[in-house]
Amino acid sequence: MAAQSDPQGSEFSAAELEFLAEDEMIEIVPNMRMESLNLISGDFGPFHPQISTQVPLWLAMALKKRGKCTIRPPEWMLVEKLMQVLEAERDSQKSFQPLPFHYVEISRLLFDHARDDIPDIYMVRSLIEDIKDVRFYKIGTGLEVISQRTTALKLNHLTAMEVNIVRPFLVKALQTFNKLDNPEIHKS
């Protein structure tokens, strides 16, 4: 999968990250009756009108597209929760707030496929963009302080997209530092 987007296989495309995020579970409220679906990834259902159930995001989007359910946005997508995360991100320059690993991809998919199910969608979208911007700024400033003596780096609470963007740079930087520390090992 990743080998198609990057010859070294170190980066995923945005579409590949979204594909991986589609396996995340999300709550739906069906408006139809249907027996359980027995799929390779598990059994989902039975579905009863107005009784919420958990399904993978890809199934929620397929049912939503056919008008068979509404999607309940995850709790972390509530305006109040996002405001708390944004404030905490701004207050702490040295750490990242815990967010779902695929929060960017999940929110993008929900904005595209379930916009009518998201209360205060414009505020939610704005807050998610602000959180993303603050986190990228913190990543950038954090990478500036990497020195020649760095042999490992620990970054807690990074998301899939953030790891995907930072990984190639970090790997190359750490390899370069290692070569500088041990020039006799790496002679060709």
C-alpha atoms as a PDB file:
ATOM      1  CA  MET A   1       0.000   0.000   0.000  1.00  0.00           C
ATOM      2  CA  ALA A   2       2.501   2.627   1.115  1.00  0.00           C
ATOM      3  CA  ALA A   3       5.083   1.419  -1.375  1.00  0.00           C
ATOM      4  CA  GLN A   4       2.918   2.849  -4.163  1.00  0.00           C
ATOM      5  CA  SER A   5       3.051   6.384  -2.770  1.00  0.00           C
ATOM      6  CA  ASP A   6       6.695   6.383  -1.668  1.00  0.00           C
ATOM      7  CA  PRO A   7       9.497   4.252  -3.097  1.00  0.00           C
ATOM      8  CA  GLN A   8      11.011   3.686   0.358  1.00  0.00           C
ATOM      9  CA  GLY A   9       7.589   2.869   1.831  1.00  0.00           C
ATOM     10  CA  SER A  10       8.029   5.389   4.639  1.00  0.00           C
ATOM     11  CA  GLU A  11       5.046   7.622   3.899  1.00  0.00           C
ATOM     12  CA  PHE A  12       1.359   6.970   3.370  1.00  0.00           C
ATOM     13  CA  SER A  13      -0.793   9.147   1.151  1.00  0.00           C
ATOM     14  CA  ALA A  14      -3.754  11.012   2.642  1.00  0.00           C
ATOM     15  CA  ALA A  15      -6.079   8.535   0.900  1.00  0.00           C
ATOM     16  CA  GLU A  16      -4.229   5.591   2.469  1.00  0.00           C
ATOM     17  CA  LEU A  17      -4.475   7.137   5.930  1.00  0.00           C
ATOM     18  CA  GLU A  18      -8.207   7.710   5.405  1.00  0.00           C
ATOM     19  CA  PHE A  19      -8.585   4.087   4.309  1.00  0.00           C
ATOM     20  CA  LEU A  20      -6.938   2.928   7.542  1.00  0.00           C
ATOM     21  CA  ALA A  21      -9.151   5.278   9.578  1.00  0.00           C
ATOM     22  CA  GLU A  22     -12.291   3.767   8.058  1.00  0.00           C
ATOM     23  CA  ASP A  23     -11.854   0.739  10.348  1.00  0.00           C
ATOM     24  CA  GLU A  24     -12.381   2.901  13.451  1.00  0.00           C
ATOM     25  CA  MET A  25     -15.671   2.202  15.224  1.00  0.00           C
ATOM     26  CA  ILE A  26     -18.372   4.861  15.291  1.00  0.00           C
ATOM     27  CA  GLU A  27     -21.916   5.059  16.616  1.00  0.00           C
ATOM     28  CA  ILE A  28     -24.873   5.156  14.236  1.00  0.00           C
ATOM     29  CA  VAL A  29     -28.626   5.360  14.713  1.00  0.00           C
ATOM     30  CA  PRO A  30     -30.304   3.184  12.083  1.00  0.00           C
ATOM     31  CA  ASN A  31     -33.693   4.156  10.664  1.00  0.00           C
ATOM     32  CA  MET A  32     -34.366   0.651   9.324  1.00  0.00           C
ATOM     33  CA  ARG A  33     -34.538  -2.907  10.535  1.00  0.00           C
ATOM     34  CA  MET A  34     -31.892  -5.352   9.357  1.00  0.00           C
ATOM     35  CA  GLU A  35     -30.397  -8.612  10.598  1.00  0.00           C
ATOM     36  CA  SER A  36     -26.764  -8.816  11.642  1.00  0.00           C
ATOM     37  CA  LEU A  37     -24.130  -8.434   8.952  1.00  0.00           C
ATOM     38  CA  ASN A  38     -21.536 -11.208   9.139  1.00  0.00           C
ATOM     39  CA  LEU A  39     -18.411  -9.720   7.608  1.00  0.00           C
ATOM     40  CA  ILE A  40     -14.741 -10.676   7.571  1.00  0.00           C
ATOM     41  CA  SER A  41     -13.988  -7.874  10.023  1.00  0.00           C
ATOM     42  CA  GLY A  42     -16.709  -9.017  12.427  1.00  0.00           C
ATOM     43  CA  ASP A  43     -20.442  -9.182  13.006  1.00  0.00           C
ATOM     44  CA  PHE A  44     -22.374  -5.918  13.117  1.00  0.00           C
ATOM     45  CA  GLY A  45     -25.995  -5.503  14.083  1.00  0.00           C
ATOM     46  CA  PRO A  46     -28.774  -6.456  14.263  1.00  0.00           C
ATOM     47  CA  PHE A  47     -30.030  -3.019  13.308  1.00  0.00           C
ATOM     48  CA  HIS A  48     -33.252  -1.665  14.795  1.00  0.00           C
ATOM     49  CA  PRO A  49     -34.760   1.783  14.155  1.00  0.00           C
ATOM     50  CA  GLN A  50     -33.668   4.451  16.653  1.00  0.00           C
ATOM     51  CA  ILE A  51     -31.432   2.051  18.629  1.00  0.00           C
ATOM     52  CA  SER A  52     -27.799   3.107  18.376  1.00  0.00           C
ATOM     53  CA  THR A  53     -25.061   0.631  17.559  1.00  0.00           C
ATOM     54  CA  GLN A  54     -21.334   0.645  16.850  1.00  0.00           C
ATOM     55  CA  VAL A  55     -20.032  -0.086  13.347  1.00  0.00           C
ATOM     56  CA  PRO A  56     -16.816   0.628  11.440  1.00  0.00           C
ATOM     57  CA  LEU A  57     -16.699   4.065   9.859  1.00  0.00           C
ATOM     58  CA  TRP A  58     -16.731   2.605   6.325  1.00  0.00           C
ATOM     59  CA  LEU A  59     -20.019   0.801   7.061  1.00  0.00           C
ATOM     60  CA  ALA A  60     -21.498   3.911   8.693  1.00  0.00           C
ATOM     61  CA  MET A  61     -20.672   5.946   5.580  1.00  0.00           C
ATOM     62  CA  ALA A  62     -22.166   3.295   3.275  1.00  0.00           C
ATOM     63  CA  LEU A  63     -25.399   3.158   5.302  1.00  0.00           C
ATOM     64  CA  LYS A  64     -25.534   6.968   5.503  1.00  0.00           C
ATOM     65  CA  LYS A  65     -25.109   7.260   1.724  1.00  0.00           C
ATOM     66  CA  ARG A  66     -28.143   4.997   1.274  1.00  0.00           C
ATOM     67  CA  GLY A  67     -30.195   6.988   3.800  1.00  0.00           C
ATOM     68  CA  LYS A  68     -30.300   4.077   6.261  1.00  0.00           C
ATOM     69  CA  CYS A  69     -28.847   5.823   9.333  1.00  0.00           C
ATOM     70  CA  THR A  70     -27.568   8.955  10.957  1.00  0.00           C
ATOM     71  CA  ILE A  71     -24.021   9.063  12.271  1.00  0.00           C
ATOM     72  CA  ARG A  72     -23.332  10.245  15.795  1.00  0.00           C
ATOM     73  CA  PRO A  73     -20.085  12.175  15.814  1.00  0.00           C
ATOM     74  CA  PRO A  74     -17.587  10.941  18.410  1.00  0.00           C
ATOM     75  CA  GLU A  75     -17.591  12.728  21.751  1.00  0.00           C
ATOM     76  CA  TRP A  76     -14.183  14.273  21.043  1.00  0.00           C
ATOM     77  CA  MET A  77     -15.825  16.189  18.143  1.00  0.00           C
ATOM     78  CA  LEU A  78     -18.050  18.194  20.485  1.00  0.00           C
ATOM     79  CA  VAL A  79     -17.265  21.921  20.455  1.00  0.00           C
ATOM     80  CA  GLU A  80     -16.663  21.952  24.233  1.00  0.00           C
ATOM     81  CA  LYS A  81     -14.176  19.059  24.060  1.00  0.00           C
ATOM     82  CA  LEU A  82     -12.331  20.572  21.106  1.00  0.00           C
ATOM     83  CA  MET A  83     -12.085  23.932  22.894  1.00  0.00           C
ATOM     84  CA  GLN A  84     -10.572  22.179  25.927  1.00  0.00           C
ATOM     85  CA  VAL A  85      -8.044  20.352  23.737  1.00  0.00           C
ATOM     86  CA  LEU A  86      -7.108  23.542  21.887  1.00  0.00           C
ATOM     87  CA  GLU A  87      -6.610  25.456  25.130  1.00  0.00           C
ATOM     88  CA  ALA A  88      -4.495  22.641  26.596  1.00  0.00           C
ATOM     89  CA  GLU A  89      -2.414  22.408  23.391  1.00  0.00           C
ATOM     90  CA  ARG A  90      -1.720  26.140  23.542  1.00  0.00           C
ATOM     91  CA  ASP A  91      -0.902  26.053  27.269  1.00  0.00           C
ATOM     92  CA  SER A  92       1.632  23.218  27.040  1.00  0.00           C
ATOM     93  CA  GLN A  93       4.479  23.759  24.580  1.00  0.00           C
ATOM     94  CA  LYS A  94       6.247  20.532  25.545  1.00  0.00           C
ATOM     95  CA  SER A  95       3.493  17.930  25.259  1.00  0.00           C
ATOM     96  CA  PHE A  96       0.624  16.909  23.025  1.00  0.00           C
ATOM     97  CA  GLN A  97      -2.916  16.296  24.192  1.00  0.00           C
ATOM     98  CA  PRO A  98      -4.273  12.792  23.635  1.00  0.00           C
ATOM     99  CA  LEU A  99      -6.493  12.630  20.567  1.00  0.00           C
ATOM    100  CA  PRO A 100      -7.701   9.649  18.545  1.00  0.00           C
ATOM    101  CA  PHE A 101      -4.875   8.334  16.344  1.00  0.00           C
ATOM    102  CA  HIS A 102      -6.900   9.107  13.201  1.00  0.00           C
ATOM    103  CA  TYR A 103      -8.725  12.252  14.376  1.00  0.00           C
ATOM    104  CA  VAL A 104      -7.850  14.250  11.245  1.00  0.00           C
ATOM    105  CA  GLU A 105      -8.935  11.493   8.872  1.00  0.00           C
ATOM    106  CA  ILE A 106     -12.127  10.679  10.808  1.00  0.00           C
ATOM    107  CA  SER A 107     -13.162  14.321  10.967  1.00  0.00           C
ATOM    108  CA  ARG A 108     -12.451  14.807   7.246  1.00  0.00           C
ATOM    109  CA  LEU A 109     -14.534  11.739   6.353  1.00  0.00           C
ATOM    110  CA  LEU A 110     -17.401  12.881   8.571  1.00  0.00           C
ATOM    111  CA  PHE A 111     -17.263  16.417   7.124  1.00  0.00           C
ATOM    112  CA  ASP A 112     -17.508  14.911   3.640  1.00  0.00           C
ATOM    113  CA  HIS A 113     -20.113  12.200   4.275  1.00  0.00           C
ATOM    114  CA  ALA A 114     -22.149  13.213   7.343  1.00  0.00           C
ATOM    115  CA  ARG A 115     -22.068  16.988   7.495  1.00  0.00           C
ATOM    116  CA  ASP A 116     -25.780  17.175   8.393  1.00  0.00           C
ATOM    117  CA  ASP A 117     -25.145  14.955  11.446  1.00  0.00           C
ATOM    118  CA  ILE A 118     -22.485  17.220  12.994  1.00  0.00           C
ATOM    119  CA  PRO A 119     -23.805  19.986  15.259  1.00  0.00           C
ATOM    120  CA  ASP A 120     -21.976  23.310  14.828  1.00  0.00           C
ATOM    121  CA  ILE A 121     -20.031  21.880  11.883  1.00  0.00           C
ATOM    122  CA  TYR A 122     -18.293  25.145  10.987  1.00  0.00           C
ATOM    123  CA  MET A 123     -17.080  25.680  14.549  1.00  0.00           C
ATOM    124  CA  VAL A 124     -15.980  22.030  14.807  1.00  0.00           C
ATOM    125  CA  ARG A 125     -14.072  22.287  11.522  1.00  0.00           C
ATOM    126  CA  SER A 126     -12.409  25.542  12.621  1.00  0.00           C
ATOM    127  CA  LEU A 127     -11.388  24.119  16.008  1.00  0.00           C
ATOM    128  CA  ILE A 128      -9.929  20.974  14.427  1.00  0.00           C
ATOM    129  CA  GLU A 129      -7.917  23.109  12.000  1.00  0.00           C
ATOM    130  CA  ASP A 130      -6.688  25.282  14.893  1.00  0.00           C
ATOM    131  CA  ILE A 131      -5.672  22.195  16.890  1.00  0.00           C
ATOM    132  CA  LYS A 132      -3.873  20.792  13.864  1.00  0.00           C
ATOM    133  CA  ASP A 133      -2.019  24.093  13.326  1.00  0.00           C
ATOM    134  CA  VAL A 134      -0.931  24.355  16.973  1.00  0.00           C
ATOM    135  CA  ARG A 135       0.280  20.742  16.969  1.00  0.00           C
ATOM    136  CA  PHE A 136       2.267  21.247  13.744  1.00  0.00           C
ATOM    137  CA  TYR A 137       3.858  24.370  15.178  1.00  0.00           C
ATOM    138  CA  LYS A 138       4.864  22.411  18.290  1.00  0.00           C
ATOM    139  CA  ILE A 139       6.277  19.600  16.155  1.00  0.00           C
ATOM    140  CA  GLY A 140       8.279  22.082  14.098  1.00  0.00           C
ATOM    141  CA  THR A 141       9.727  23.880  17.094  1.00  0.00           C
ATOM    142  CA  GLY A 142      10.440  20.550  18.781  1.00  0.00           C
ATOM    143  CA  LEU A 143      12.392  19.287  15.784  1.00  0.00           C
ATOM    144  CA  GLU A 144      14.514  22.441  15.757  1.00  0.00           C
ATOM    145  CA  VAL A 145      16.078  21.480  19.095  1.00  0.00           C
ATOM    146  CA  ILE A 146      17.330  18.074  17.949  1.00  0.00           C
ATOM    147  CA  SER A 147      21.078  18.048  18.446  1.00  0.00           C
ATOM    148  CA  GLN A 148      23.926  15.861  17.241  1.00  0.00           C
ATOM    149  CA  ARG A 149      23.783  13.852  20.439  1.00  0.00           C
ATOM    150  CA  THR A 150      20.205  12.744  19.846  1.00  0.00           C
ATOM    151  CA  THR A 151      20.013   8.964  19.440  1.00  0.00           C
ATOM    152  CA  ALA A 152      16.316   8.526  20.100  1.00  0.00           C
ATOM    153  CA  LEU A 153      13.240  10.682  20.266  1.00  0.00           C
ATOM    154  CA  LYS A 154       9.998  10.159  22.158  1.00  0.00           C
ATOM    155  CA  LEU A 155       6.864  11.982  21.026  1.00  0.00           C
ATOM    156  CA  ASN A 156       3.735  10.978  22.931  1.00  0.00           C
ATOM    157  CA  HIS A 157       0.216  11.375  21.537  1.00  0.00           C
ATOM    158  CA  LEU A 158       1.139  12.018  17.907  1.00  0.00           C
ATOM    159  CA  THR A 159      -1.537  11.080  15.403  1.00  0.00           C
ATOM    160  CA  ALA A 160      -1.233   9.008  12.225  1.00  0.00           C
ATOM    161  CA  MET A 161      -0.960  12.054   9.980  1.00  0.00           C
ATOM    162  CA  GLU A 162       1.633  13.709  12.220  1.00  0.00           C
ATOM    163  CA  VAL A 163       3.757  10.567  12.449  1.00  0.00           C
ATOM    164  CA  ASN A 164       3.513  10.123   8.690  1.00  0.00           C
ATOM    165  CA  ILE A 165       4.786  13.645   8.054  1.00  0.00           C
ATOM    166  CA  VAL A 166       7.558  13.615  10.673  1.00  0.00           C
ATOM    167  CA  ARG A 167       8.871  10.065  10.165  1.00  0.00           C
ATOM    168  CA  PRO A 168      10.983  10.593   7.008  1.00  0.00           C
ATOM    169  CA  PHE A 169      12.696  13.672   8.447  1.00  0.00           C
ATOM    170  CA  LEU A 170      13.420  12.042  11.807  1.00  0.00           C
ATOM    171  CA  VAL A 171      14.778   8.845  10.294  1.00  0.00           C
ATOM    172  CA  LYS A 172      17.111  10.774   7.998  1.00  0.00           C
ATOM    173  CA  ALA A 173      18.232  13.132  10.785  1.00  0.00           C
ATOM    174  CA  LEU A 174      18.960  10.309  13.227  1.00  0.00           C
ATOM    175  CA  GLN A 175      20.864   8.379  10.527  1.00  0.00           C
ATOM    176  CA  THR A 176      22.940  11.477   9.796  1.00  0.00           C
ATOM    177  CA  PHE A 177      23.695  12.000  13.484  1.00  0.00           C
ATOM    178  CA  ASN A 178      24.699   8.351  13.778  1.00  0.00           C
ATOM    179  CA  LYS A 179      27.079   8.687  10.797  1.00  0.00           C
ATOM    180  CA  LEU A 180      28.631  11.814  12.300  1.00  0.00           C
ATOM    181  CA  ASP A 181      29.146  10.094  15.658  1.00  0.00           C
ATOM    182  CA  ASN A 182      30.625   6.927  14.091  1.00  0.00           C
ATOM    183  CA  PRO A 183      32.361   7.914  10.833  1.00  0.00           C
ATOM    184  CA  GLU A 184      34.595   4.819  10.748  1.00  0.00           C
ATOM    185  CA  ILE A 185      31.577   2.463  10.778  1.00  0.00           C
ATOM    186  CA  HIS A 186      29.952   4.066   7.755  1.00  0.00           C
ATOM    187  CA  LYS A 187      32.959   4.360   5.421  1.00  0.00           C
ATOM    188  CA  SER A 188      32.235   2.949   1.995  1.00  0.00           C
END
